[in-house]
Protein backbone atom coordinates (compact mmCIF):
# COMPACT_ATOMS: atom_id res chain seq x y z
CA MET A 1 -20.72 -1.94 25.06
CA PRO A 2 -20.23 -3.36 21.51
CA PRO A 3 -17.06 -2.32 19.71
CA THR A 4 -17.26 0.53 17.23
CA ASP A 5 -16.21 0.21 13.60
CA LYS A 6 -13.03 2.08 14.41
CA GLN A 7 -12.25 -0.29 17.29
CA GLU A 8 -12.86 -3.31 15.05
CA ARG A 9 -10.55 -1.88 12.37
CA SER A 10 -7.88 -1.21 14.99
CA SER A 11 -8.22 -4.77 16.27
CA MET A 12 -7.75 -6.14 12.75
CA ILE A 13 -4.64 -3.99 12.31
CA ILE A 14 -3.19 -5.27 15.61
CA LYS A 15 -3.83 -8.91 14.63
CA ARG A 16 -2.19 -8.41 11.25
CA SER A 17 0.79 -6.70 12.89
CA HIS A 18 1.31 -9.70 15.18
CA SER A 19 1.01 -12.17 12.28
CA GLY A 20 3.60 -10.21 10.29
CA SER A 21 6.02 -9.67 13.18
CA ILE A 22 8.85 -11.52 11.39
CA TYR A 23 8.35 -9.36 8.30
CA PHE A 24 8.38 -6.16 10.37
CA PHE A 25 11.52 -7.29 12.24
CA LEU A 26 13.41 -8.09 9.04
CA LYS A 27 12.13 -4.94 7.36
CA ARG A 28 13.28 -2.76 10.27
CA PHE A 29 16.64 -4.57 10.42
CA LEU A 30 17.23 -3.94 6.71
CA ASP A 31 16.11 -0.32 7.08
CA ILE A 32 18.70 0.30 9.80
CA ILE A 33 21.54 -1.46 7.96
CA PHE A 34 20.85 0.12 4.57
CA SER A 35 20.20 3.66 5.85
CA PHE A 36 23.36 3.61 7.98
CA ILE A 37 25.53 2.31 5.12
CA ALA A 38 23.91 4.70 2.63
CA LEU A 39 24.48 7.73 4.89
CA LEU A 40 28.07 6.64 5.39
CA PHE A 41 28.95 6.09 1.73
CA LEU A 42 26.86 8.99 0.41
CA SER A 43 28.32 11.46 2.88
CA PRO A 44 30.59 13.05 0.20
CA VAL A 45 27.54 13.58 -2.04
CA LEU A 46 25.53 14.99 0.86
CA LEU A 47 28.37 17.33 1.79
CA PHE A 48 28.71 18.51 -1.82
CA VAL A 49 24.98 19.28 -2.04
CA ILE A 50 25.08 21.11 1.32
CA LEU A 51 27.96 23.33 0.14
CA LEU A 52 26.12 24.26 -3.05
CA LEU A 53 22.91 24.98 -1.13
CA LYS A 54 24.82 27.18 1.34
CA ARG A 55 25.81 29.39 -1.59
CA GLU A 56 22.19 29.61 -2.71
CA PHE A 57 20.30 29.97 0.59
CA GLN A 58 20.83 31.73 3.88
CA GLY A 59 20.08 29.68 6.98
CA SER A 60 19.26 26.00 7.02
CA VAL A 61 19.74 23.91 3.88
CA TYR A 62 17.11 21.46 5.13
CA TYR A 63 13.36 21.69 4.80
CA ARG A 64 11.25 20.17 7.56
CA ALA A 65 7.87 18.95 6.29
CA ARG A 66 5.32 18.05 8.96
CA ARG A 67 3.88 14.66 8.00
CA LEU A 68 1.70 11.88 9.41
CA GLY A 69 3.62 8.77 10.43
CA ARG A 70 2.72 5.35 11.74
CA ASN A 71 -0.49 5.26 13.81
CA GLY A 72 -1.08 8.93 12.99
CA HIS A 73 1.94 10.31 14.88
CA LEU A 74 3.29 13.59 13.53
CA PHE A 75 6.96 13.89 12.63
CA ASP A 76 9.26 16.17 10.65
CA MET A 77 10.33 14.69 7.32
CA PHE A 78 13.68 16.07 6.12
CA LYS A 79 14.42 17.21 2.58
CA PHE A 80 17.09 19.35 1.01
CA ARG A 81 15.80 22.85 0.57
CA THR A 82 14.81 23.54 -3.05
CA MET A 83 12.55 26.63 -2.83
CA ARG A 84 12.85 30.24 -1.77
CA ASP A 85 10.80 31.59 1.14
CA ASP A 86 10.33 35.12 -0.19
CA LEU A 87 7.29 34.14 -2.26
CA GLN A 88 4.36 33.28 0.00
CA ASN A 89 2.33 30.27 -0.98
CA ASP A 90 -0.01 28.27 1.24
CA ILE A 91 -0.56 25.50 -1.34
CA ARG A 92 0.83 22.23 0.00
CA ILE A 93 1.43 20.57 -3.38
CA THR A 94 4.22 21.68 -5.67
CA ALA A 95 3.54 22.11 -9.38
CA SER A 96 6.14 22.11 -12.15
CA ASP A 97 5.75 25.85 -12.75
CA ASP A 98 6.13 26.86 -9.10
CA LEU A 99 8.14 30.08 -9.05
CA ARG A 100 9.68 29.28 -5.66
CA ILE A 101 11.85 26.46 -7.06
CA THR A 102 15.45 27.49 -7.69
CA PRO A 103 17.42 26.19 -10.71
CA PHE A 104 19.62 23.97 -8.54
CA GLY A 105 16.58 22.95 -6.51
CA ARG A 106 14.80 21.87 -9.69
CA TRP A 107 17.74 19.62 -10.56
CA LEU A 108 17.66 18.14 -7.05
CA ARG A 109 13.95 17.40 -7.39
CA GLU A 110 14.31 15.83 -10.83
CA THR A 111 17.12 13.53 -9.66
CA LYS A 112 15.33 12.86 -6.33
CA LEU A 113 18.52 13.83 -4.46
CA ASN A 114 16.43 16.21 -2.34
CA GLU A 115 14.93 13.11 -0.68
CA LEU A 116 18.29 11.76 0.59
CA PRO A 117 18.03 13.37 4.07
CA GLN A 118 15.05 11.08 4.71
CA LEU A 119 17.58 8.30 5.25
CA TRP A 120 17.97 9.87 8.69
CA ASN A 121 14.20 9.52 9.24
CA VAL A 122 14.59 5.85 8.31
CA LEU A 123 17.54 5.33 10.65
CA ILE A 124 15.72 6.74 13.71
CA GLY A 125 12.56 4.74 12.97
CA GLN A 126 10.17 7.44 11.74
CA MET A 127 10.13 6.11 8.18
CA SER A 128 11.02 3.03 6.18
CA LEU A 129 12.76 2.62 2.85
CA VAL A 130 9.54 1.34 1.27
CA GLY A 131 6.06 2.26 2.41
CA PRO A 132 3.20 4.65 1.63
CA ARG A 133 4.55 8.16 1.15
CA PRO A 134 3.87 10.30 4.24
CA GLU A 135 1.16 12.86 3.56
CA ASP A 136 0.43 16.35 4.82
CA PRO A 137 -1.99 16.16 7.80
CA GLN A 138 -4.53 18.48 6.15
CA ILE A 139 -4.67 16.35 2.99
CA ALA A 140 -4.67 13.09 4.96
CA ALA A 141 -7.69 14.35 6.92
CA GLN A 142 -9.74 13.95 3.71
CA TRP A 143 -8.93 10.25 3.32
CA PRO A 144 -11.73 7.70 3.86
CA GLY A 145 -11.60 6.28 7.39
CA GLU A 146 -10.83 2.62 6.62
CA ILE A 147 -8.16 3.46 4.04
CA ARG A 148 -6.63 5.97 6.43
CA ASP A 149 -6.36 3.37 9.22
CA GLN A 150 -4.82 0.82 6.87
CA ILE A 151 -2.21 3.16 5.38
CA LEU A 152 -1.25 4.62 8.76
CA SER A 153 -0.85 1.14 10.27
CA ILE A 154 2.72 0.89 8.93
CA ARG A 155 5.70 3.23 8.68
CA PRO A 156 5.66 5.61 5.71
CA GLY A 157 8.44 5.16 3.18
CA ILE A 158 10.91 7.07 1.07
CA THR A 159 9.41 5.31 -1.94
CA SER A 160 6.17 3.45 -2.63
CA PRO A 161 4.18 2.01 -5.53
CA ALA A 162 2.52 5.41 -5.93
CA SER A 163 5.96 7.05 -5.99
CA VAL A 164 7.00 4.79 -8.86
CA VAL A 165 3.85 5.42 -10.89
CA TYR A 166 3.76 9.15 -10.19
CA ARG A 167 7.51 9.81 -10.18
CA ARG A 168 6.83 12.65 -12.68
CA GLU A 169 3.97 14.04 -10.64
CA GLU A 170 5.21 17.64 -10.66
CA LYS A 171 5.33 17.67 -14.46
CA MET A 172 1.73 16.41 -14.50
CA LEU A 173 0.61 19.35 -12.36
CA SER A 174 0.63 22.83 -13.85
CA GLY A 175 -1.70 25.77 -14.34
CA GLU A 176 -4.16 27.36 -11.94
CA GLY A 177 -6.32 24.28 -11.35
CA PHE A 178 -3.53 21.84 -10.54
CA MET A 179 -4.63 21.43 -6.89
CA GLU A 180 -8.11 20.34 -7.94
CA ASP A 181 -6.59 17.98 -10.49
CA TYR A 182 -4.41 16.44 -7.76
CA LEU A 183 -7.28 15.95 -5.29
CA ASN A 184 -9.74 14.58 -7.85
CA ASN A 185 -7.53 12.42 -10.06
CA ILE A 186 -4.06 11.72 -8.68
CA LEU A 187 -4.71 11.42 -4.93
CA PRO A 188 -7.45 8.73 -5.21
CA ASP A 189 -5.21 6.57 -7.39
CA LYS A 190 -2.23 7.04 -5.05
CA LEU A 191 -4.43 5.96 -2.15
CA ARG A 192 -5.52 2.89 -4.13
CA LEU A 193 -1.90 1.91 -4.82
CA ASP A 194 -0.86 2.50 -1.20
CA TYR A 195 -3.82 0.43 0.01
CA LEU A 196 -2.83 -2.41 -2.33
CA TYR A 197 0.71 -2.23 -0.99
CA VAL A 198 -0.47 -2.54 2.61
CA LYS A 199 -2.53 -5.60 1.63
CA ASN A 200 0.22 -7.30 -0.41
CA ARG A 201 3.42 -6.17 1.30
CA ASN A 202 6.35 -8.52 1.80
CA LEU A 203 10.11 -8.30 1.47
CA LEU A 204 10.08 -9.31 -2.20
CA VAL A 205 7.52 -6.60 -3.01
CA ASP A 206 9.69 -4.09 -1.14
CA LEU A 207 12.73 -5.13 -3.19
CA ASP A 208 10.74 -4.79 -6.42
CA ILE A 209 9.54 -1.30 -5.55
CA PHE A 210 13.03 -0.25 -4.46
CA LEU A 211 14.53 -1.56 -7.72
CA LEU A 212 11.85 0.13 -9.86
CA THR A 213 12.47 3.38 -7.99
CA ILE A 214 16.17 3.28 -8.90
CA LEU A 215 15.36 2.40 -12.52
CA GLY A 216 12.84 5.24 -12.64
CA VAL A 217 15.54 7.80 -11.82
CA ILE A 218 17.64 6.77 -14.84
CA PRO A 219 16.99 9.38 -17.59
CA LEU A 220 16.49 6.80 -20.36
CA LEU A 221 13.85 4.97 -18.30
CA ASN A 222 12.30 7.96 -16.57
CA LYS A 223 9.50 8.32 -19.13
CA TYR A 224 8.79 4.58 -19.33
CA PRO A 225 5.48 3.72 -17.60
CA PHE A 226 6.08 0.61 -15.50
CA PRO A 227 3.09 -1.81 -15.64
CA GLU A 228 1.15 -1.85 -12.39
CA ASN A 229 1.51 -5.62 -11.96
CA GLN A 230 5.30 -5.15 -11.71
CA LEU A 231 4.79 -3.12 -8.55
CA PHE A 232 3.54 -6.15 -6.63
CA TRP A 233 5.14 -8.93 -8.69
CA GLY A 234 8.19 -7.45 -10.34
CA PRO A 235 11.58 -8.68 -11.54
CA VAL A 236 12.92 -9.54 -8.08
CA SER A 237 9.83 -11.52 -7.07
CA THR A 238 9.74 -13.26 -10.44
CA PHE A 239 13.40 -14.26 -10.32
CA ILE A 240 13.32 -15.51 -6.73
CA GLN A 241 9.97 -17.30 -6.90
CA ARG A 242 10.29 -18.83 -10.36
CA TYR A 243 14.00 -19.48 -10.66
CA PHE A 244 16.16 -19.00 -7.57
CA SER A 245 13.87 -20.79 -5.11
CA TRP A 246 13.42 -23.71 -7.51
CA PHE A 247 17.19 -23.83 -8.07
CA ILE A 248 17.73 -24.22 -4.31
CA VAL A 249 15.04 -26.92 -4.16
CA ASP A 250 16.50 -28.71 -7.18
CA LEU A 251 19.98 -28.48 -5.66
CA LEU A 252 18.74 -30.24 -2.53
CA ILE A 253 16.87 -32.79 -4.64
CA SER A 254 19.98 -33.46 -6.73
CA PHE A 255 22.10 -33.87 -3.61
CA LEU A 256 19.47 -36.24 -2.19
CA ALA A 257 19.47 -38.26 -5.42
CA VAL A 258 23.28 -38.47 -5.40
CA SER A 259 23.40 -39.45 -1.73
CA PHE A 260 20.61 -42.02 -2.04
CA THR A 261 22.23 -43.55 -5.13
CA ALA A 262 25.60 -43.71 -3.37
CA PHE A 263 23.99 -45.40 -0.37
CA ILE A 264 22.33 -48.06 -2.55
CA TRP A 265 25.51 -48.56 -4.57
CA ARG A 266 27.58 -49.01 -1.39
CA LEU A 267 25.31 -51.87 -0.31
CA GLY A 268 26.54 -53.93 -3.28
CA GLY A 269 30.20 -52.96 -3.22
CA PRO A 270 32.77 -50.34 -2.19
CA LEU A 271 32.25 -46.72 -3.20
CA ASP A 272 34.41 -43.80 -2.12
CA LEU A 273 32.32 -40.84 -3.31
CA GLY A 274 32.89 -38.28 -0.55
CA TRP A 275 30.85 -35.18 0.34
CA SER A 276 32.81 -32.86 -1.97
CA LYS A 277 32.25 -35.01 -5.07
CA ALA A 278 28.60 -35.52 -4.16
CA PHE A 279 28.01 -31.78 -3.79
CA ILE A 280 29.87 -30.95 -7.05
CA LEU A 281 27.86 -33.54 -8.95
CA ALA A 282 24.60 -32.29 -7.42
CA ALA A 283 25.46 -28.64 -8.19
CA ILE A 284 26.26 -29.43 -11.82
CA LEU A 285 23.02 -31.38 -12.16
CA ALA A 286 20.94 -28.60 -10.55
CA VAL A 287 22.54 -25.80 -12.61
CA LEU A 288 22.09 -27.62 -15.91
CA PHE A 289 18.55 -28.65 -14.99
CA SER A 290 17.64 -25.04 -14.14
CA ILE A 291 19.14 -23.77 -17.41
CA VAL A 292 17.26 -26.33 -19.51
CA ASN A 293 14.00 -25.62 -17.65
CA THR A 294 14.44 -21.88 -18.23
CA ILE A 295 15.02 -22.41 -21.96
CA MET A 296 11.96 -24.67 -22.16
CA GLY A 297 9.81 -22.14 -20.27
CA LEU A 298 9.15 -24.47 -17.33
CA GLY A 299 10.09 -21.69 -14.93
CA LYS A 300 6.79 -20.01 -15.79
CA VAL A 301 4.66 -23.05 -14.91
CA TYR A 302 2.45 -22.67 -11.85
CA TRP A 303 3.03 -26.19 -10.56
CA GLN A 304 0.13 -26.27 -8.09
CA LYS A 305 -2.23 -26.13 -11.08
CA ALA A 306 0.04 -27.69 -13.69
CA SER A 307 -1.19 -30.26 -16.19
CA PRO A 308 0.24 -33.80 -15.80
CA ALA A 309 1.57 -33.40 -19.34
CA TYR A 310 4.38 -31.23 -17.96
CA ALA A 311 5.83 -34.38 -16.40
CA LEU A 312 6.94 -35.31 -19.94
CA ASP A 313 8.69 -31.95 -20.27
CA LEU A 314 10.46 -32.64 -16.99
CA LEU A 315 11.44 -36.06 -18.35
CA PHE A 316 12.99 -34.43 -21.42
CA SER A 317 14.87 -31.78 -19.41
CA THR A 318 16.11 -34.35 -16.88
CA THR A 319 17.21 -36.73 -19.66
CA LEU A 320 19.05 -33.96 -21.48
CA THR A 321 20.69 -32.82 -18.24
CA THR A 322 21.72 -36.36 -17.35
CA MET A 323 23.26 -36.85 -20.80
CA VAL A 324 25.32 -33.67 -20.41
CA VAL A 325 26.46 -34.69 -16.92
CA TYR A 326 27.28 -38.17 -18.25
CA ILE A 327 29.51 -36.69 -20.98
CA LEU A 328 31.16 -34.19 -18.62
CA ASN A 329 31.86 -36.94 -16.11
CA LEU A 330 33.20 -39.26 -18.79
CA PHE A 331 35.62 -36.69 -20.28
CA ASN A 332 36.61 -34.98 -17.02
CA PRO A 333 40.35 -34.08 -17.32
CA GLY A 334 40.99 -35.26 -13.77
CA GLY A 335 39.21 -38.56 -14.29
CA THR A 336 35.58 -39.52 -13.79
CA LEU A 337 34.00 -38.32 -10.56
CA VAL A 338 31.77 -41.40 -10.37
CA SER A 339 30.97 -44.48 -12.36
CA PRO A 340 29.02 -43.68 -15.57
CA GLU A 341 26.30 -46.15 -14.53
CA LEU A 342 25.93 -44.21 -11.31
CA VAL A 343 25.14 -41.02 -13.26
CA ILE A 344 22.25 -42.75 -15.03
CA ILE A 345 20.78 -44.00 -11.74
CA ILE A 346 21.16 -40.50 -10.27
CA GLY A 347 19.31 -39.04 -13.26
CA ILE A 348 16.43 -41.51 -12.87
CA LEU A 349 16.07 -40.82 -9.14
CA ALA A 350 16.39 -37.07 -9.71
CA TYR A 351 13.53 -37.15 -12.22
CA LEU A 352 11.29 -39.01 -9.79
CA PHE A 353 12.13 -36.52 -7.04
CA PHE A 354 11.66 -33.51 -9.37
CA VAL A 355 8.19 -34.69 -10.37
CA ALA A 356 7.22 -35.63 -6.81
CA VAL A 357 8.17 -32.21 -5.41
CA ARG A 358 6.45 -30.24 -8.16
CA TYR A 359 3.26 -32.31 -8.04
CA ARG A 360 3.35 -32.80 -4.27
CA ALA A 361 0.01 -31.05 -3.67
CA ARG A 362 -1.78 -33.29 -6.16
CA LEU A 363 -0.05 -36.41 -4.90
CA ILE A 364 -0.98 -35.67 -1.30
CA THR A 365 -4.56 -34.82 -2.28
CA GLY A 366 -4.79 -37.97 -4.40
CA PHE A 367 -3.47 -40.23 -1.62
CA ALA A 368 -5.80 -38.59 0.91
CA SER A 369 -8.79 -38.95 -1.39
CA ARG A 370 -7.93 -42.59 -2.08
CA TRP A 371 -7.51 -43.28 1.63
CA VAL A 372 -10.91 -41.76 2.43
CA SER A 373 -12.46 -43.77 -0.39
CA TYR A 374 -11.01 -47.08 0.87
CA ARG A 375 -11.84 -46.23 4.48
CA ASP A 376 -15.45 -45.48 3.69
CA ARG A 377 -15.69 -48.58 1.52
CA SER A 378 -14.17 -50.77 4.22
CA GLN A 379 -16.60 -49.38 6.75
CA LYS A 380 -19.45 -49.77 4.26
CA LEU A 381 -20.41 -46.22 5.05
CA ALA A 382 -21.64 -43.69 2.52
CA ILE A 383 -21.91 -40.13 3.75
CA GLY A 384 -24.92 -38.33 2.27
CA GLU A 385 -27.54 -39.45 -0.19
CA LYS A 386 -26.28 -42.00 -2.70
CA THR A 387 -26.06 -40.61 -6.22
CA LEU A 388 -25.89 -42.37 -9.58
CA ILE A 389 -24.62 -40.54 -12.66
CA VAL A 390 -26.11 -41.62 -15.99
CA GLY A 391 -23.43 -40.98 -18.60
CA ALA A 392 -19.68 -41.59 -18.41
CA GLY A 393 -18.74 -39.06 -21.09
CA ASP A 394 -17.48 -35.51 -20.75
CA CYS A 395 -20.79 -34.23 -19.40
CA GLY A 396 -20.95 -37.00 -16.78
CA GLN A 397 -17.39 -36.35 -15.65
CA LEU A 398 -18.14 -32.62 -15.49
CA ALA A 399 -21.22 -33.31 -13.36
CA ALA A 400 -19.14 -35.42 -10.95
CA TRP A 401 -16.41 -32.77 -10.82
CA LEU A 402 -18.92 -30.01 -10.05
CA LEU A 403 -20.71 -32.07 -7.39
CA ILE A 404 -17.64 -33.05 -5.37
CA ARG A 405 -16.29 -29.50 -5.47
CA SER A 406 -19.49 -27.74 -4.47
CA ARG A 407 -21.24 -27.23 -1.14
CA PHE A 408 -23.25 -30.38 -1.96
CA ASN A 409 -20.18 -32.57 -1.53
CA LYS A 410 -21.26 -33.82 1.91
CA PRO A 411 -25.05 -34.13 1.35
CA TYR A 412 -24.47 -36.35 -1.71
CA THR A 413 -22.10 -39.27 -2.35
CA ILE A 414 -21.45 -40.52 -5.89
CA ILE A 415 -21.74 -44.32 -5.98
CA GLY A 416 -20.88 -44.87 -9.63
CA LEU A 417 -21.70 -44.34 -13.30
CA VAL A 418 -24.06 -45.87 -15.84
CA ASP A 419 -23.28 -45.93 -19.57
CA ASP A 420 -24.40 -48.02 -22.54
CA ASP A 421 -20.91 -48.29 -24.04
CA PRO A 422 -20.03 -51.99 -23.63
CA ARG A 423 -16.29 -51.29 -23.81
CA ILE A 424 -16.16 -49.46 -20.48
CA GLN A 425 -18.36 -51.70 -18.35
CA GLY A 426 -16.73 -52.35 -14.99
CA GLN A 427 -13.91 -49.88 -15.65
CA MET A 428 -12.96 -46.84 -13.54
CA ILE A 429 -13.66 -43.42 -15.03
CA ASP A 430 -11.64 -40.97 -12.97
CA ARG A 431 -12.42 -42.41 -9.51
CA TYR A 432 -15.86 -43.92 -10.19
CA ARG A 433 -16.73 -47.37 -11.55
CA VAL A 434 -19.12 -47.93 -14.45
CA LEU A 435 -21.71 -50.14 -12.72
CA GLY A 436 -23.85 -51.11 -15.70
CA GLN A 437 -25.98 -49.96 -18.62
CA SER A 438 -29.15 -47.90 -18.71
CA ILE A 439 -31.29 -51.05 -18.52
CA ASP A 440 -29.66 -51.80 -15.14
CA ILE A 441 -30.76 -48.50 -13.57
CA PRO A 442 -33.87 -49.88 -11.74
CA ARG A 443 -31.84 -52.76 -10.29
CA LEU A 444 -28.99 -50.45 -9.18
CA VAL A 445 -31.41 -48.01 -7.56
CA GLU A 446 -33.06 -50.80 -5.56
CA THR A 447 -29.97 -52.78 -4.55
CA LEU A 448 -27.69 -49.80 -3.81
CA ASP A 449 -30.42 -47.62 -2.28
CA ILE A 450 -29.82 -44.80 -4.78
CA GLY A 451 -31.63 -41.59 -3.81
CA LEU A 452 -30.58 -39.28 -6.66
CA ILE A 453 -29.95 -39.80 -10.38
CA LEU A 454 -28.00 -37.22 -12.35
CA PHE A 455 -28.80 -37.51 -16.07
CA ALA A 456 -25.70 -36.29 -17.93
CA ILE A 457 -25.73 -37.80 -21.45
CA THR A 458 -25.18 -35.80 -24.64
CA ASN A 459 -25.28 -36.62 -28.37
CA LEU A 460 -28.40 -38.77 -28.07
CA SER A 461 -31.34 -39.01 -30.40
CA LEU A 462 -34.56 -37.67 -28.96
CA LYS A 463 -36.09 -41.17 -28.95
CA GLU A 464 -33.13 -42.69 -27.08
CA ARG A 465 -33.05 -39.81 -24.62
CA ASP A 466 -36.76 -40.26 -23.83
CA ARG A 467 -36.23 -44.00 -23.37
CA ILE A 468 -33.48 -43.60 -20.78
CA LEU A 469 -35.33 -40.79 -19.02
CA SER A 470 -38.45 -42.95 -18.74
CA ILE A 471 -36.33 -45.69 -17.11
CA CYS A 472 -34.94 -43.16 -14.61
CA ARG A 473 -38.42 -41.83 -13.80
CA SER A 474 -39.72 -45.34 -13.21
CA THR A 475 -37.47 -45.65 -10.15
CA SER A 476 -37.97 -44.23 -6.66
CA ALA A 477 -34.91 -41.97 -6.99
CA HIS A 478 -35.12 -38.26 -7.63
CA LEU A 479 -34.06 -37.25 -11.15
CA VAL A 480 -31.97 -34.17 -12.02
CA ILE A 481 -31.17 -33.44 -15.68
CA ILE A 482 -27.78 -31.78 -16.13
CA PRO A 483 -27.85 -29.11 -18.88
CA ASP A 484 -25.52 -29.78 -21.77
CA LEU A 485 -23.00 -27.16 -20.70
CA LEU A 486 -20.28 -28.47 -22.99
CA ASP A 487 -22.44 -28.22 -26.13
CA TYR A 488 -23.43 -24.70 -25.12
CA PHE A 489 -19.76 -23.86 -24.62
CA HIS A 490 -18.84 -25.30 -28.02
CA ASP A 491 -21.70 -23.44 -29.73
CA GLN A 492 -20.55 -20.14 -28.24
CA LEU A 493 -17.00 -20.76 -29.45
CA ALA A 494 -18.22 -21.74 -32.92
CA ARG A 495 -20.05 -18.43 -33.24
CA GLN A 496 -16.78 -16.58 -32.76
CA VAL A 497 -15.06 -18.38 -35.64
């Protein structure tokens, strides 16, 4: 029997749970540690609230809310009691003008202190610190099936992205039609945010949400609407990914540069550097380098897609850092840590390592591409139909770029370029050689067994364009004329000026 949609969704959830087992282990470990410490240190606050509630209510000071937990299991979520029971009300959402809320209970709800008992739910494993807020079973029954399965695949949390965005939810709900407003407007958006959290969750996201939750309780920031992008890439993620992680990498690089320089220096003469001096020198270099990069804005560069021009910025920041280290080493009150010449060599090696690590993806791709090119050339093997590009300008380079990055990469192999500019004959444009001029096209097609010609020349007179096209059509190769995309792009920009 073929699996049902529900079985397939469950299978996907199980696979994702296995792949994120380390995340779930660390998350649960942090939940236990934090909830235990929080209950221990907040016990005076909890006791104070309990005493005040005892004066206001008879019976239990806790409210047990039946909620849906992980995998749809029901559990009782604890809260401090904030409403009277003498007024009957079957509505499961609380509005700001609900008459059941006591004055002290309203203060508890505004400060979110009524949620503190849920730390016990976290400690015993029913909830997590961060996760989709647990919903009433009757309301959750109205969720779409796929979204329901996704949200219920993880533990619900004390706080969530939806909790941050709608931290003033009660004040948004008032009047007789507040329940309809919640179901039609607020609930769908909360589900969207919870669904995004399930898809993008990690420890850094959890830390961001937790931090934003604390900031949202502060009265001065309570009315400030946090941008949605900060929920999934907030201050913690930004600091760790852009600055702290690169500082650790740069510290290791600096230590490697110091160690490698010391090793080379020792080959030519004695050097008593020592691990302590090497680490101090590396730490100073890494700290100063990180500070200069932050000031220059290099911490915001996405290095996997960075322009090669940023290598010059790295050269400037490394040079400036090396100069500062050189001066500090020279005027050190306890004497120089190392020889001044050694600092310069360390700076040069550090720059090479800094660039290599940041451009590692491009370097590896470039070496791999070059290796494949030499291997195929040595084997005299061209995979796919041989292609000749007519035009070595911007349009020709764009045509080559589009071809090698499309699904036609394997069916077609670019052999080279043709251009009438005499200054570039025989030279390499990107990775392709200019094999001749337009008059050489018939000879190149015959001798190289060209099967496809891509015509990609712009800024030609109509007469010259027709001449070259007639040469291309006189050959046995198929002809494809590339539209002048760049001119079209420039025309569209010019219309906006």
